[in-house]
Amino acid sequence: MLNLEQLALGEPRYDFTREEIQAIYDLPITTLVYLAQSVHRRYYAQDEIQMSTLLSIKTGGCKENCSYCPQSAHYTTAVESHGLLPVADIIAAAQRAKENGSSRFCMGAAWRNPPKKSKQFDQVLEAVREVRKLGMEVCTTLGMLDEEQAHELADAGVHAYNHNLDTSPEYYGDIISTRVYDDRLSTIKNVRKAGMTVCCGGIVGMGESKSDRIGLLEQLNHLAPHPESVPVNLLVKIEGTPLANEKDLDVFELVRTIATACIIMPASRIRMSAGRTQMSDEAQALCFMAGASSIFTGDKLLTTPNPGDDHDRELFLRLGMKPVELASEPSQRQTRSSAMPISVSAH
């Protein structure tokens, strides 16, 4: 039996079972969203959304065979490959992102793992240091890391490292075969050891079952501490990839995933990531009600389309919401006292 009053307190737990997570996921959606919003308000302001910008600093030619990714060298897509961008171009993009309201700037490179002791990695470290001078949080996603690389990134000023689990352990082999689940968990451990925060989530709509979405949430919940950021991506179907013709996911499954993530990882920022161009404004608003407290903004996410700054500003205006200011971020994990009361329990 679920005790929703206890869940609404937003006390972190790292031992939710699949059965408990599924029971939360399967709640009537009005109860689920209300509960998630109650938890959300204990940690975050109800009218603020963290805006992040993600830039592909090295595109295409990746050795991995992730079935959803147009940057994989295993597939023929319309993505044009390019080498590492000059540091000046990266800084200019970060400055534009800051001017448009982003407090976090993320740099992504299509590598299986960054080349060790190389000019390319040194260039990334230089870019990190320069973006930090702008006063922004810096996030990188560069593939698998060993301990030494993780420490170098942390020393340069990386605040968060993104490395998604993608899906459940059971379904993972159907999506990727060039690395195993434990490889991803190992990178997350190295990130933690280096003192960076963890940005780790997954993708829904890849043909996975509900059980697989529950399994992904279980894996994320069992990471201790929980990832500070949990991106929830909706599959963007790209011609030339194995998932190009995948069936559309019911948007309410996305909402349920976001709400459940918010409840079982109460202090984490749940971020709506890829796939927002496929969603109506009403669906996005429902995701915010379900506990999403961050988005990626800009016209593009790595190589896939995104609604753009102008659209997001207009949406925020219509919803009465505003971007988080960077200065307010350090208090995000302090429990707030404005949660709504909830007085129901469910079997």
Protein backbone atom coordinates (compact mmCIF):
# COMPACT_ATOMS: atom_id res chain seq x y z
CA MET A 1 0.00 0.00 0.00
CA LEU A 2 1.29 3.46 -0.88
CA ASN A 3 1.24 6.10 1.81
CA LEU A 4 0.84 9.23 -0.27
CA GLU A 5 1.06 11.51 2.78
CA GLN A 6 4.52 10.09 3.45
CA LEU A 7 5.56 10.41 -0.19
CA ALA A 8 4.39 14.02 -0.25
CA LEU A 9 6.94 14.90 2.44
CA GLY A 10 9.63 14.57 -0.22
CA GLU A 11 12.13 12.69 1.92
CA PRO A 12 14.71 11.03 -0.37
CA ARG A 13 14.75 7.23 -0.46
CA TYR A 14 17.14 5.03 -2.40
CA ASP A 15 15.35 1.71 -2.08
CA PHE A 16 12.09 1.98 -4.01
CA THR A 17 11.16 -1.40 -5.46
CA ARG A 18 9.79 -1.85 -8.96
CA GLU A 19 6.45 -2.74 -7.44
CA GLU A 20 6.34 0.52 -5.47
CA ILE A 21 7.44 2.58 -8.47
CA GLN A 22 4.81 0.97 -10.67
CA ALA A 23 2.13 1.63 -8.04
CA ILE A 24 3.09 5.33 -8.11
CA TYR A 25 3.23 5.37 -11.92
CA ASP A 26 -0.24 3.79 -12.15
CA LEU A 27 -2.01 6.24 -9.83
CA PRO A 28 -4.95 8.15 -11.33
CA ILE A 29 -3.21 10.89 -13.25
CA THR A 30 -4.88 13.68 -11.27
CA THR A 31 -3.56 12.16 -8.04
CA LEU A 32 -0.14 11.47 -9.57
CA VAL A 33 0.33 15.01 -10.88
CA TYR A 34 -0.96 16.56 -7.66
CA LEU A 35 1.42 14.43 -5.60
CA ALA A 36 4.37 15.24 -7.86
CA GLN A 37 3.61 18.99 -7.65
CA SER A 38 3.41 18.72 -3.86
CA VAL A 39 6.87 17.14 -3.76
CA HIS A 40 8.23 19.60 -6.31
CA ARG A 41 7.23 22.62 -4.20
CA ARG A 42 9.21 21.33 -1.24
CA TYR A 43 12.41 21.91 -3.20
CA TYR A 44 11.71 24.44 -5.94
CA ALA A 45 9.76 27.61 -6.57
CA GLN A 46 6.49 26.79 -8.29
CA ASP A 47 6.90 29.44 -11.01
CA GLU A 48 10.58 28.98 -11.97
CA ILE A 49 12.11 26.79 -14.65
CA GLN A 50 15.85 26.29 -15.07
CA MET A 51 16.86 27.01 -18.66
CA SER A 52 19.83 25.14 -20.09
CA THR A 53 21.43 25.33 -23.52
CA LEU A 54 23.11 22.34 -25.18
CA LEU A 55 25.68 22.83 -27.95
CA SER A 56 27.23 20.11 -30.09
CA ILE A 57 30.92 21.01 -30.03
CA LYS A 58 31.94 17.94 -32.04
CA THR A 59 29.35 16.33 -34.32
CA GLY A 60 29.04 12.90 -35.95
CA GLY A 61 31.34 9.97 -36.49
CA CYS A 62 30.62 8.34 -33.12
CA LYS A 63 31.75 4.71 -32.83
CA GLU A 64 28.72 3.76 -30.72
CA ASN A 65 25.62 2.21 -32.34
CA CYS A 66 22.89 3.78 -30.19
CA SER A 67 19.74 3.09 -32.22
CA TYR A 68 18.26 6.54 -31.62
CA CYS A 69 21.32 8.60 -32.50
CA PRO A 70 21.87 10.30 -35.89
CA GLN A 71 25.51 10.94 -34.95
CA SER A 72 26.42 7.24 -35.00
CA ALA A 73 28.93 6.25 -37.67
CA HIS A 74 26.91 3.03 -38.06
CA TYR A 75 24.01 4.84 -39.76
CA THR A 76 23.54 7.12 -42.76
CA THR A 77 21.61 10.25 -41.77
CA ALA A 78 21.41 13.88 -42.83
CA VAL A 79 23.70 14.97 -39.98
CA GLU A 80 26.84 16.70 -41.21
CA SER A 81 29.91 15.77 -39.21
CA HIS A 82 32.36 18.39 -38.01
CA GLY A 83 35.39 18.37 -35.77
CA LEU A 84 35.78 20.17 -32.48
CA LEU A 85 34.58 23.78 -32.65
CA PRO A 86 37.08 26.56 -31.94
CA VAL A 87 36.97 27.79 -28.36
CA ALA A 88 35.96 31.28 -29.53
CA ASP A 89 32.85 29.85 -31.24
CA ILE A 90 31.90 27.93 -28.10
CA ILE A 91 32.27 31.04 -25.93
CA ALA A 92 30.17 33.10 -28.34
CA ALA A 93 27.41 30.47 -28.19
CA ALA A 94 27.56 30.43 -24.39
CA GLN A 95 27.28 34.21 -24.27
CA ARG A 96 24.18 34.13 -26.50
CA ALA A 97 22.67 31.43 -24.30
CA LYS A 98 23.26 33.53 -21.19
CA GLU A 99 21.67 36.57 -22.83
CA ASN A 100 18.62 34.44 -23.64
CA GLY A 101 18.14 33.39 -20.03
CA SER A 102 20.09 30.14 -19.70
CA SER A 103 21.93 29.60 -16.42
CA ARG A 104 23.55 26.33 -17.54
CA PHE A 105 25.58 25.75 -20.69
CA CYS A 106 26.14 22.17 -21.82
CA MET A 107 28.76 21.02 -24.31
CA GLY A 108 28.32 17.69 -26.09
CA ALA A 109 30.86 15.83 -28.21
CA ALA A 110 30.11 12.70 -30.23
CA TRP A 111 32.85 10.54 -28.73
CA ARG A 112 32.71 7.03 -27.34
CA ASN A 113 35.17 8.46 -24.84
CA PRO A 114 37.30 11.62 -24.99
CA PRO A 115 40.78 11.10 -26.48
CA LYS A 116 43.26 10.98 -23.59
CA LYS A 117 46.13 13.45 -23.33
CA SER A 118 45.12 15.08 -26.59
CA LYS A 119 44.85 18.57 -28.05
CA GLN A 120 41.09 17.98 -28.41
CA PHE A 121 40.60 17.26 -24.72
CA ASP A 122 42.82 20.19 -23.75
CA GLN A 123 40.62 22.36 -25.98
CA VAL A 124 37.51 21.18 -24.16
CA LEU A 125 39.12 22.01 -20.82
CA GLU A 126 39.98 25.50 -22.09
CA ALA A 127 36.38 26.01 -23.25
CA VAL A 128 35.11 24.94 -19.83
CA ARG A 129 37.33 27.45 -18.07
CA GLU A 130 36.22 30.26 -20.38
CA VAL A 131 32.50 29.51 -20.01
CA ARG A 132 32.88 29.49 -16.23
CA LYS A 133 34.16 33.06 -16.48
CA LEU A 134 30.72 34.01 -17.81
CA GLY A 135 29.20 32.96 -14.48
CA MET A 136 27.30 30.01 -15.92
CA GLU A 137 27.10 26.43 -14.71
CA VAL A 138 29.02 24.22 -17.10
CA CYS A 139 27.84 20.75 -18.08
CA THR A 140 29.64 18.40 -20.46
CA THR A 141 28.64 15.16 -22.14
CA LEU A 142 31.61 13.55 -23.86
CA GLY A 143 31.02 9.82 -23.56
CA MET A 144 32.65 7.46 -21.10
CA LEU A 145 35.21 8.86 -18.66
CA ASP A 146 38.00 7.30 -16.65
CA GLU A 147 38.89 8.69 -13.22
CA GLU A 148 41.72 10.89 -14.51
CA GLN A 149 39.56 12.55 -17.16
CA ALA A 150 36.78 13.12 -14.67
CA HIS A 151 39.16 14.90 -12.29
CA GLU A 152 40.56 17.04 -15.10
CA LEU A 153 37.07 18.19 -16.06
CA ALA A 154 36.18 18.92 -12.44
CA ASP A 155 39.39 20.90 -11.94
CA ALA A 156 38.59 22.96 -15.06
CA GLY A 157 35.23 23.94 -13.55
CA VAL A 158 32.67 21.45 -14.87
CA HIS A 159 29.65 21.57 -12.56
CA ALA A 160 27.73 18.62 -14.00
CA TYR A 161 28.46 15.67 -16.24
CA ASN A 162 25.71 14.13 -18.34
CA HIS A 163 25.73 10.40 -18.95
CA ASN A 164 22.28 8.87 -19.44
CA LEU A 165 21.31 5.28 -18.67
CA ASP A 166 18.84 5.52 -21.59
CA THR A 167 16.51 2.66 -20.57
CA SER A 168 16.16 -0.37 -18.31
CA PRO A 169 18.98 -2.93 -18.04
CA GLU A 170 16.68 -5.51 -19.66
CA TYR A 171 15.95 -3.43 -22.76
CA TYR A 172 19.36 -1.82 -23.07
CA GLY A 173 20.81 -4.50 -25.36
CA ASP A 174 18.01 -3.90 -27.86
CA ILE A 175 19.11 -0.27 -28.19
CA ILE A 176 22.92 -0.39 -27.89
CA SER A 177 25.42 -3.21 -28.31
CA THR A 178 28.76 -1.36 -28.41
CA ARG A 179 28.89 -0.89 -24.65
CA VAL A 180 27.18 -2.46 -21.65
CA TYR A 181 25.09 -1.00 -18.84
CA ASP A 182 27.92 -1.27 -16.33
CA ASP A 183 30.06 0.97 -18.55
CA ARG A 184 27.56 3.76 -17.99
CA LEU A 185 27.39 3.13 -14.25
CA SER A 186 31.20 3.17 -14.08
CA THR A 187 31.35 6.61 -15.68
CA ILE A 188 28.78 7.92 -13.21
CA LYS A 189 30.93 6.60 -10.34
CA ASN A 190 33.99 8.36 -11.76
CA VAL A 191 32.02 11.60 -12.05
CA ARG A 192 30.99 11.36 -8.39
CA LYS A 193 34.53 10.60 -7.26
CA ALA A 194 35.75 13.74 -9.02
CA GLY A 195 33.21 15.89 -7.18
CA MET A 196 31.00 16.83 -10.13
CA THR A 197 27.23 16.64 -9.97
CA VAL A 198 25.49 13.99 -12.05
CA CYS A 199 23.04 14.61 -14.89
CA CYS A 200 21.54 11.22 -15.72
CA GLY A 201 18.21 10.16 -17.17
CA GLY A 202 16.87 8.35 -20.19
CA ILE A 203 14.72 8.23 -23.30
CA VAL A 204 11.11 7.15 -23.61
CA GLY A 205 9.31 6.18 -26.80
CA MET A 206 11.98 3.79 -28.10
CA GLY A 207 9.58 0.85 -28.22
CA GLU A 208 10.19 -0.01 -24.58
CA SER A 209 7.44 -1.42 -22.37
CA LYS A 210 6.01 0.29 -19.32
CA SER A 211 8.03 -2.22 -17.31
CA ASP A 212 11.19 -0.87 -18.95
CA ARG A 213 10.30 2.70 -17.99
CA ILE A 214 9.76 1.49 -14.43
CA GLY A 215 13.11 -0.33 -14.61
CA LEU A 216 14.92 2.84 -15.71
CA LEU A 217 13.35 4.80 -12.86
CA GLU A 218 14.38 2.08 -10.41
CA GLN A 219 18.01 2.27 -11.59
CA LEU A 220 18.03 6.06 -11.23
CA ASN A 221 16.44 5.88 -7.78
CA HIS A 222 19.07 3.43 -6.57
CA LEU A 223 21.91 5.83 -7.40
CA ALA A 224 22.97 7.35 -4.10
CA PRO A 225 22.92 10.28 -4.06
CA HIS A 226 20.29 10.71 -6.73
CA PRO A 227 21.36 12.53 -9.91
CA GLU A 228 21.05 16.26 -9.35
CA SER A 229 19.55 16.52 -12.85
CA VAL A 230 17.35 13.89 -14.51
CA PRO A 231 16.72 14.57 -18.21
CA VAL A 232 13.66 12.82 -19.62
CA ASN A 233 13.91 12.66 -23.41
CA LEU A 234 11.09 11.84 -25.80
CA LEU A 235 12.47 9.97 -28.80
CA VAL A 236 13.07 12.17 -31.84
CA LYS A 237 12.73 9.83 -34.81
CA ILE A 238 15.51 10.45 -37.34
CA GLU A 239 15.52 9.01 -40.85
CA GLY A 240 18.37 6.56 -41.23
CA THR A 241 18.39 5.33 -37.63
CA PRO A 242 16.87 1.98 -36.59
CA LEU A 243 14.13 3.76 -34.60
CA ALA A 244 13.03 6.07 -37.43
CA ASN A 245 9.64 4.34 -37.77
CA GLU A 246 8.96 3.69 -34.09
CA LYS A 247 5.36 4.14 -32.96
CA ASP A 248 4.57 7.41 -31.19
CA LEU A 249 4.41 7.23 -27.40
CA ASP A 250 1.22 8.37 -25.68
CA VAL A 251 2.15 11.73 -24.14
CA PHE A 252 0.52 10.70 -20.87
CA GLU A 253 3.21 8.02 -20.52
CA LEU A 254 5.79 10.82 -20.68
CA VAL A 255 3.85 12.78 -18.05
CA ARG A 256 3.67 9.71 -15.81
CA THR A 257 7.42 9.13 -16.19
CA ILE A 258 8.21 12.74 -15.24
CA ALA A 259 5.83 12.76 -12.28
CA THR A 260 7.10 9.44 -10.94
CA ALA A 261 10.71 10.59 -11.30
CA CYS A 262 9.86 13.74 -9.33
CA ILE A 263 8.30 11.73 -6.52
CA ILE A 264 11.02 9.10 -6.13
CA MET A 265 13.92 11.55 -6.64
CA PRO A 266 12.42 14.57 -4.90
CA ALA A 267 15.47 16.87 -4.81
CA SER A 268 16.47 16.23 -8.42
CA ARG A 269 15.72 18.66 -11.23
CA ILE A 270 13.60 16.77 -13.72
CA ARG A 271 14.43 18.19 -17.14
CA MET A 272 12.26 18.04 -20.25
CA SER A 273 14.84 17.45 -22.92
CA ALA A 274 14.57 16.15 -26.50
CA GLY A 275 11.19 15.87 -28.18
CA ARG A 276 9.51 19.11 -27.12
CA THR A 277 8.89 20.08 -30.76
CA GLN A 278 6.56 17.07 -30.93
CA MET A 279 4.55 18.26 -27.93
CA SER A 280 1.77 20.81 -27.73
CA ASP A 281 2.11 23.75 -25.36
CA GLU A 282 -0.65 22.15 -23.27
CA ALA A 283 1.35 18.92 -22.97
CA GLN A 284 4.43 20.85 -21.88
CA ALA A 285 2.38 22.73 -19.29
CA LEU A 286 1.14 19.41 -17.92
CA CYS A 287 4.75 18.22 -17.63
CA PHE A 288 5.57 21.33 -15.58
CA MET A 289 2.59 20.55 -13.36
CA ALA A 290 3.97 17.00 -13.03
CA GLY A 291 7.25 18.29 -11.61
CA ALA A 292 9.47 19.12 -14.59
CA SER A 293 11.56 22.06 -13.40
CA SER A 294 14.04 22.48 -16.24
CA ILE A 295 14.17 22.55 -20.03
CA PHE A 296 16.75 22.71 -22.77
CA THR A 297 16.13 25.85 -24.77
CA GLY A 298 17.46 27.09 -28.10
CA ASP A 299 16.73 26.07 -31.69
CA LYS A 300 18.64 22.79 -31.55
CA LEU A 301 19.63 20.03 -29.13
CA LEU A 302 22.92 18.72 -30.49
CA THR A 303 21.51 17.85 -33.93
CA THR A 304 17.75 17.59 -33.36
CA PRO A 305 15.20 20.45 -33.50
CA ASN A 306 14.04 22.34 -30.41
CA PRO A 307 11.30 24.97 -30.02
CA GLY A 308 13.71 27.93 -29.72
CA ASP A 309 14.18 30.83 -27.33
CA ASP A 310 11.35 32.98 -28.72
CA HIS A 311 8.79 30.20 -28.39
CA ASP A 312 9.90 29.38 -24.86
CA ARG A 313 9.72 33.02 -23.79
CA GLU A 314 6.19 33.23 -25.15
CA LEU A 315 5.19 29.97 -23.46
CA PHE A 316 6.62 31.13 -20.11
CA LEU A 317 4.72 34.41 -20.47
CA ARG A 318 1.46 32.57 -21.11
CA LEU A 319 2.04 30.25 -18.16
CA GLY A 320 3.20 32.97 -15.74
CA MET A 321 6.58 31.29 -15.31
CA LYS A 322 10.13 32.61 -15.39
CA PRO A 323 13.70 31.34 -15.77
CA VAL A 324 15.74 30.48 -12.69
CA GLU A 325 18.51 32.95 -12.01
CA LEU A 326 21.90 31.35 -11.51
CA ALA A 327 22.31 32.91 -8.07
CA SER A 328 19.27 31.00 -6.78
CA GLU A 329 20.55 27.57 -7.75
CA PRO A 330 22.71 26.74 -4.67
CA SER A 331 19.62 26.59 -2.45
CA GLN A 332 17.75 24.19 -4.71
CA ARG A 333 18.31 21.15 -2.50
CA GLN A 334 17.06 22.83 0.67
CA THR A 335 13.56 21.63 1.42
CA ARG A 336 10.99 24.36 0.94
CA SER A 337 7.96 24.69 3.23
CA SER A 338 5.33 25.53 0.63
CA ALA A 339 4.21 22.05 -0.34
CA MET A 340 0.49 21.50 -0.74
CA PRO A 341 -1.15 19.19 1.80
CA ILE A 342 -2.27 15.82 0.55
CA SER A 343 -4.56 13.59 2.54
CA VAL A 344 -5.19 10.49 0.50
CA SER A 345 -3.65 7.06 0.49
CA ALA A 346 -3.89 4.38 -2.14
CA HIS A 347 -3.52 0.64 -2.38
